[in-house]
Amino acid sequence: MAGREDLSKHILPVSATMVGVCMTVITILQLAPKNGISEWADNLIALDSLVFLASTMLSYWSIRHKENLIMIEKLADRCFMVGMLFMVGINFLVAFELF
């Protein structure tokens, strides 16, 4: 079980960083010309930051509370993967629309 326990310790800093990345992208999108896609992207990235925040909180919770470690780690991992897939999708949308 020692290997599984390390998963949360890896998810926590990366997902917290991704929250910061989402906030940075929202700030940068404010500088882009206002069209339909930039407004949609702002909202989608804001939602994505909430998914990463959930992953961060679940990772922290699993580190602090060992009784439900496996279940909480799986939830944190799934939130992280959903957030990453969502971010890639949004990036494709913005890239094809702007360029």
N, C-alpha and C. Protein backbone atom coordinates (compact mmCIF):
# COMPACT_ATOMS: atom_id res chain seq x y z
N MET A 1 0.80 -1.21 0.00
CA MET A 1 0.00 0.00 0.00
C MET A 1 0.84 1.26 0.00
N ALA A 2 2.12 1.15 0.29
CA ALA A 2 2.95 2.35 0.38
C ALA A 2 3.03 3.09 -0.95
N GLY A 3 3.02 2.37 -2.07
CA GLY A 3 3.08 3.00 -3.38
C GLY A 3 1.82 3.80 -3.68
N ARG A 4 0.65 3.28 -3.31
CA ARG A 4 -0.62 3.98 -3.52
C ARG A 4 -0.67 5.27 -2.73
N GLU A 5 -0.10 5.23 -1.55
CA GLU A 5 -0.15 6.39 -0.66
C GLU A 5 0.56 7.60 -1.27
N ASP A 6 1.53 7.34 -2.11
CA ASP A 6 2.28 8.44 -2.73
C ASP A 6 1.50 9.15 -3.82
N LEU A 7 0.46 8.54 -4.34
CA LEU A 7 -0.29 9.14 -5.44
C LEU A 7 -0.85 10.51 -5.04
N SER A 8 -1.43 10.63 -3.88
CA SER A 8 -1.98 11.91 -3.43
C SER A 8 -0.90 12.97 -3.28
N LYS A 9 0.27 12.54 -2.88
CA LYS A 9 1.37 13.50 -2.71
C LYS A 9 1.85 14.03 -4.05
N HIS A 10 1.56 13.33 -5.13
CA HIS A 10 1.90 13.81 -6.47
C HIS A 10 0.76 14.63 -7.07
N ILE A 11 -0.46 14.22 -6.82
CA ILE A 11 -1.62 14.92 -7.37
C ILE A 11 -1.76 16.30 -6.74
N LEU A 12 -1.53 16.40 -5.46
CA LEU A 12 -1.75 17.66 -4.73
C LEU A 12 -0.99 18.85 -5.33
N PRO A 13 0.32 18.80 -5.47
CA PRO A 13 1.00 19.99 -5.99
C PRO A 13 0.70 20.28 -7.46
N VAL A 14 0.52 19.22 -8.24
CA VAL A 14 0.26 19.44 -9.67
C VAL A 14 -1.13 20.02 -9.89
N SER A 15 -2.12 19.51 -9.20
CA SER A 15 -3.47 20.04 -9.38
C SER A 15 -3.57 21.47 -8.83
N ALA A 16 -2.86 21.76 -7.75
CA ALA A 16 -2.85 23.14 -7.24
C ALA A 16 -2.19 24.07 -8.25
N THR A 17 -1.13 23.61 -8.89
CA THR A 17 -0.49 24.39 -9.94
C THR A 17 -1.43 24.62 -11.11
N MET A 18 -2.21 23.61 -11.45
CA MET A 18 -3.14 23.74 -12.58
C MET A 18 -4.24 24.75 -12.28
N VAL A 19 -4.62 24.91 -11.02
CA VAL A 19 -5.57 25.97 -10.65
C VAL A 19 -4.94 27.33 -11.00
N GLY A 20 -3.67 27.49 -10.66
CA GLY A 20 -2.97 28.72 -10.99
C GLY A 20 -2.84 28.93 -12.49
N VAL A 21 -2.60 27.85 -13.23
CA VAL A 21 -2.52 27.94 -14.69
C VAL A 21 -3.85 28.40 -15.27
N CYS A 22 -4.93 27.84 -14.76
CA CYS A 22 -6.26 28.25 -15.23
C CYS A 22 -6.50 29.74 -14.98
N MET A 23 -6.11 30.21 -13.80
CA MET A 23 -6.29 31.63 -13.50
C MET A 23 -5.43 32.51 -14.42
N THR A 24 -4.24 32.04 -14.74
CA THR A 24 -3.37 32.77 -15.67
C THR A 24 -3.98 32.82 -17.06
N VAL A 25 -4.52 31.71 -17.51
CA VAL A 25 -5.14 31.65 -18.84
C VAL A 25 -6.34 32.59 -18.90
N ILE A 26 -7.13 32.64 -17.85
CA ILE A 26 -8.27 33.55 -17.81
C ILE A 26 -7.79 35.00 -17.94
N THR A 27 -6.71 35.32 -17.24
CA THR A 27 -6.15 36.67 -17.31
C THR A 27 -5.65 36.98 -18.72
N ILE A 28 -4.98 36.04 -19.34
CA ILE A 28 -4.48 36.24 -20.70
C ILE A 28 -5.62 36.37 -21.69
N LEU A 29 -6.67 35.60 -21.50
CA LEU A 29 -7.83 35.68 -22.40
C LEU A 29 -8.52 37.04 -22.30
N GLN A 30 -8.36 37.72 -21.18
CA GLN A 30 -8.93 39.06 -21.05
C GLN A 30 -8.24 40.04 -22.00
N LEU A 31 -7.00 39.74 -22.40
CA LEU A 31 -6.26 40.59 -23.32
C LEU A 31 -6.59 40.30 -24.78
N ALA A 32 -7.16 39.13 -25.04
CA ALA A 32 -7.49 38.74 -26.41
C ALA A 32 -8.70 39.54 -26.89
N PRO A 33 -8.82 39.68 -28.21
CA PRO A 33 -9.99 40.38 -28.74
C PRO A 33 -11.28 39.67 -28.31
N LYS A 34 -12.27 40.46 -27.95
CA LYS A 34 -13.52 39.89 -27.46
C LYS A 34 -14.34 39.36 -28.64
N ASN A 35 -14.49 38.08 -28.65
CA ASN A 35 -15.40 37.43 -29.59
C ASN A 35 -16.10 36.31 -28.84
N GLY A 36 -16.91 35.57 -29.52
CA GLY A 36 -17.69 34.53 -28.85
C GLY A 36 -16.86 33.49 -28.14
N ILE A 37 -15.74 33.10 -28.77
CA ILE A 37 -14.95 32.01 -28.19
C ILE A 37 -14.20 32.44 -26.93
N SER A 38 -13.75 33.69 -26.86
CA SER A 38 -13.00 34.10 -25.67
C SER A 38 -13.91 34.18 -24.45
N GLU A 39 -15.15 34.56 -24.65
CA GLU A 39 -16.09 34.58 -23.53
C GLU A 39 -16.43 33.17 -23.07
N TRP A 40 -16.62 32.27 -24.03
CA TRP A 40 -16.88 30.87 -23.69
C TRP A 40 -15.67 30.26 -23.00
N ALA A 41 -14.49 30.56 -23.53
CA ALA A 41 -13.27 29.99 -22.96
C ALA A 41 -13.07 30.46 -21.52
N ASP A 42 -13.35 31.73 -21.25
CA ASP A 42 -13.26 32.23 -19.86
C ASP A 42 -14.10 31.39 -18.92
N ASN A 43 -15.33 31.17 -19.30
CA ASN A 43 -16.25 30.41 -18.45
C ASN A 43 -15.82 28.95 -18.31
N LEU A 44 -15.39 28.35 -19.41
CA LEU A 44 -14.98 26.95 -19.37
C LEU A 44 -13.71 26.77 -18.54
N ILE A 45 -12.76 27.68 -18.69
CA ILE A 45 -11.54 27.58 -17.89
C ILE A 45 -11.84 27.81 -16.40
N ALA A 46 -12.78 28.69 -16.11
CA ALA A 46 -13.17 28.90 -14.70
C ALA A 46 -13.77 27.61 -14.12
N LEU A 47 -14.59 26.93 -14.89
CA LEU A 47 -15.14 25.64 -14.44
C LEU A 47 -14.03 24.61 -14.28
N ASP A 48 -13.08 24.62 -15.21
CA ASP A 48 -11.96 23.70 -15.14
C ASP A 48 -11.13 23.94 -13.88
N SER A 49 -10.96 25.20 -13.52
CA SER A 49 -10.21 25.48 -12.29
C SER A 49 -10.92 24.91 -11.07
N LEU A 50 -12.25 24.88 -11.10
CA LEU A 50 -12.99 24.28 -9.98
C LEU A 50 -12.78 22.76 -9.93
N VAL A 51 -12.66 22.13 -11.10
CA VAL A 51 -12.38 20.69 -11.13
C VAL A 51 -11.00 20.42 -10.54
N PHE A 52 -10.01 21.23 -10.93
CA PHE A 52 -8.67 21.08 -10.35
C PHE A 52 -8.67 21.39 -8.86
N LEU A 53 -9.47 22.36 -8.44
CA LEU A 53 -9.56 22.67 -7.02
C LEU A 53 -10.14 21.47 -6.25
N ALA A 54 -11.14 20.82 -6.83
CA ALA A 54 -11.71 19.62 -6.20
C ALA A 54 -10.65 18.53 -6.08
N SER A 55 -9.85 18.37 -7.12
CA SER A 55 -8.77 17.38 -7.08
C SER A 55 -7.75 17.73 -6.00
N THR A 56 -7.43 19.00 -5.89
CA THR A 56 -6.49 19.45 -4.86
C THR A 56 -7.03 19.15 -3.46
N MET A 57 -8.28 19.50 -3.25
CA MET A 57 -8.89 19.29 -1.92
C MET A 57 -9.00 17.81 -1.58
N LEU A 58 -9.38 16.99 -2.56
CA LEU A 58 -9.47 15.55 -2.31
C LEU A 58 -8.10 14.94 -2.03
N SER A 59 -7.08 15.40 -2.73
CA SER A 59 -5.73 14.90 -2.48
C SER A 59 -5.28 15.24 -1.07
N TYR A 60 -5.52 16.47 -0.69
CA TYR A 60 -5.16 16.90 0.66
C TYR A 60 -5.93 16.09 1.71
N TRP A 61 -7.22 15.89 1.44
CA TRP A 61 -8.05 15.13 2.37
C TRP A 61 -7.53 13.71 2.54
N SER A 62 -7.11 13.08 1.43
CA SER A 62 -6.63 11.70 1.53
C SER A 62 -5.29 11.62 2.27
N ILE A 63 -4.48 12.66 2.19
CA ILE A 63 -3.22 12.67 2.93
C ILE A 63 -3.50 12.81 4.43
N ARG A 64 -4.46 13.64 4.78
CA ARG A 64 -4.76 13.90 6.18
C ARG A 64 -5.59 12.80 6.84
N HIS A 65 -6.45 12.15 6.08
CA HIS A 65 -7.37 11.14 6.64
C HIS A 65 -7.12 9.81 5.95
N LYS A 66 -6.47 8.91 6.64
CA LYS A 66 -6.03 7.65 6.05
C LYS A 66 -7.13 6.59 5.98
N GLU A 67 -8.26 6.80 6.65
CA GLU A 67 -9.26 5.74 6.72
C GLU A 67 -9.92 5.42 5.37
N ASN A 68 -10.11 6.38 4.51
CA ASN A 68 -10.71 6.15 3.19
C ASN A 68 -9.72 6.51 2.08
N LEU A 69 -8.47 6.18 2.28
CA LEU A 69 -7.39 6.62 1.40
C LEU A 69 -7.63 6.22 -0.05
N ILE A 70 -7.91 4.97 -0.31
CA ILE A 70 -8.02 4.47 -1.68
C ILE A 70 -9.17 5.16 -2.42
N MET A 71 -10.32 5.22 -1.80
CA MET A 71 -11.49 5.82 -2.46
C MET A 71 -11.27 7.31 -2.75
N ILE A 72 -10.73 8.03 -1.80
CA ILE A 72 -10.53 9.48 -1.98
C ILE A 72 -9.43 9.73 -3.01
N GLU A 73 -8.38 8.91 -3.00
CA GLU A 73 -7.33 9.06 -4.00
C GLU A 73 -7.86 8.81 -5.41
N LYS A 74 -8.73 7.82 -5.55
CA LYS A 74 -9.32 7.55 -6.87
C LYS A 74 -10.16 8.74 -7.34
N LEU A 75 -10.91 9.33 -6.43
CA LEU A 75 -11.70 10.51 -6.79
C LEU A 75 -10.80 11.68 -7.19
N ALA A 76 -9.74 11.89 -6.44
CA ALA A 76 -8.79 12.97 -6.76
C ALA A 76 -8.15 12.73 -8.12
N ASP A 77 -7.78 11.49 -8.38
CA ASP A 77 -7.16 11.13 -9.65
C ASP A 77 -8.13 11.33 -10.81
N ARG A 78 -9.35 10.93 -10.63
CA ARG A 78 -10.36 11.10 -11.68
C ARG A 78 -10.65 12.58 -11.94
N CYS A 79 -10.77 13.35 -10.88
CA CYS A 79 -10.97 14.80 -11.05
C CYS A 79 -9.81 15.42 -11.81
N PHE A 80 -8.61 15.00 -11.47
CA PHE A 80 -7.44 15.53 -12.15
C PHE A 80 -7.46 15.18 -13.64
N MET A 81 -7.77 13.94 -13.96
CA MET A 81 -7.79 13.52 -15.36
C MET A 81 -8.90 14.23 -16.14
N VAL A 82 -10.07 14.39 -15.53
CA VAL A 82 -11.16 15.12 -16.17
C VAL A 82 -10.74 16.57 -16.42
N GLY A 83 -10.10 17.18 -15.44
CA GLY A 83 -9.62 18.55 -15.59
C GLY A 83 -8.62 18.69 -16.71
N MET A 84 -7.70 17.74 -16.82
CA MET A 84 -6.70 17.79 -17.89
C MET A 84 -7.34 17.60 -19.26
N LEU A 85 -8.25 16.66 -19.38
CA LEU A 85 -8.94 16.44 -20.66
C LEU A 85 -9.77 17.66 -21.05
N PHE A 86 -10.41 18.24 -20.07
CA PHE A 86 -11.22 19.43 -20.30
C PHE A 86 -10.34 20.59 -20.77
N MET A 87 -9.18 20.74 -20.13
CA MET A 87 -8.27 21.82 -20.51
C MET A 87 -7.74 21.62 -21.93
N VAL A 88 -7.40 20.42 -22.29
CA VAL A 88 -6.92 20.15 -23.65
C VAL A 88 -8.01 20.46 -24.66
N GLY A 89 -9.23 20.07 -24.35
CA GLY A 89 -10.36 20.37 -25.24
C GLY A 89 -10.57 21.86 -25.43
N ILE A 90 -10.50 22.60 -24.35
CA ILE A 90 -10.66 24.06 -24.42
C ILE A 90 -9.52 24.68 -25.23
N ASN A 91 -8.31 24.18 -25.01
CA ASN A 91 -7.16 24.71 -25.76
C ASN A 91 -7.31 24.48 -27.26
N PHE A 92 -7.80 23.32 -27.66
CA PHE A 92 -8.04 23.07 -29.07
C PHE A 92 -9.09 24.02 -29.62
N LEU A 93 -10.14 24.22 -28.86
CA LEU A 93 -11.18 25.14 -29.27
C LEU A 93 -10.63 26.55 -29.51
N VAL A 94 -9.88 27.03 -28.56
CA VAL A 94 -9.33 28.38 -28.66
C VAL A 94 -8.30 28.47 -29.79
N ALA A 95 -7.45 27.47 -29.90
CA ALA A 95 -6.40 27.49 -30.92
C ALA A 95 -7.01 27.51 -32.32
N PHE A 96 -8.01 26.70 -32.56
CA PHE A 96 -8.60 26.65 -33.91
C PHE A 96 -9.43 27.89 -34.20
N GLU A 97 -9.97 28.50 -33.17
CA GLU A 97 -10.78 29.70 -33.38
C GLU A 97 -9.91 30.95 -33.60
N LEU A 98 -8.83 31.06 -32.84
CA LEU A 98 -7.99 32.26 -32.95
C LEU A 98 -7.02 32.22 -34.12
N PHE A 99 -6.60 31.03 -34.50
CA PHE A 99 -5.61 30.92 -35.57
C PHE A 99 -6.23 30.24 -36.74
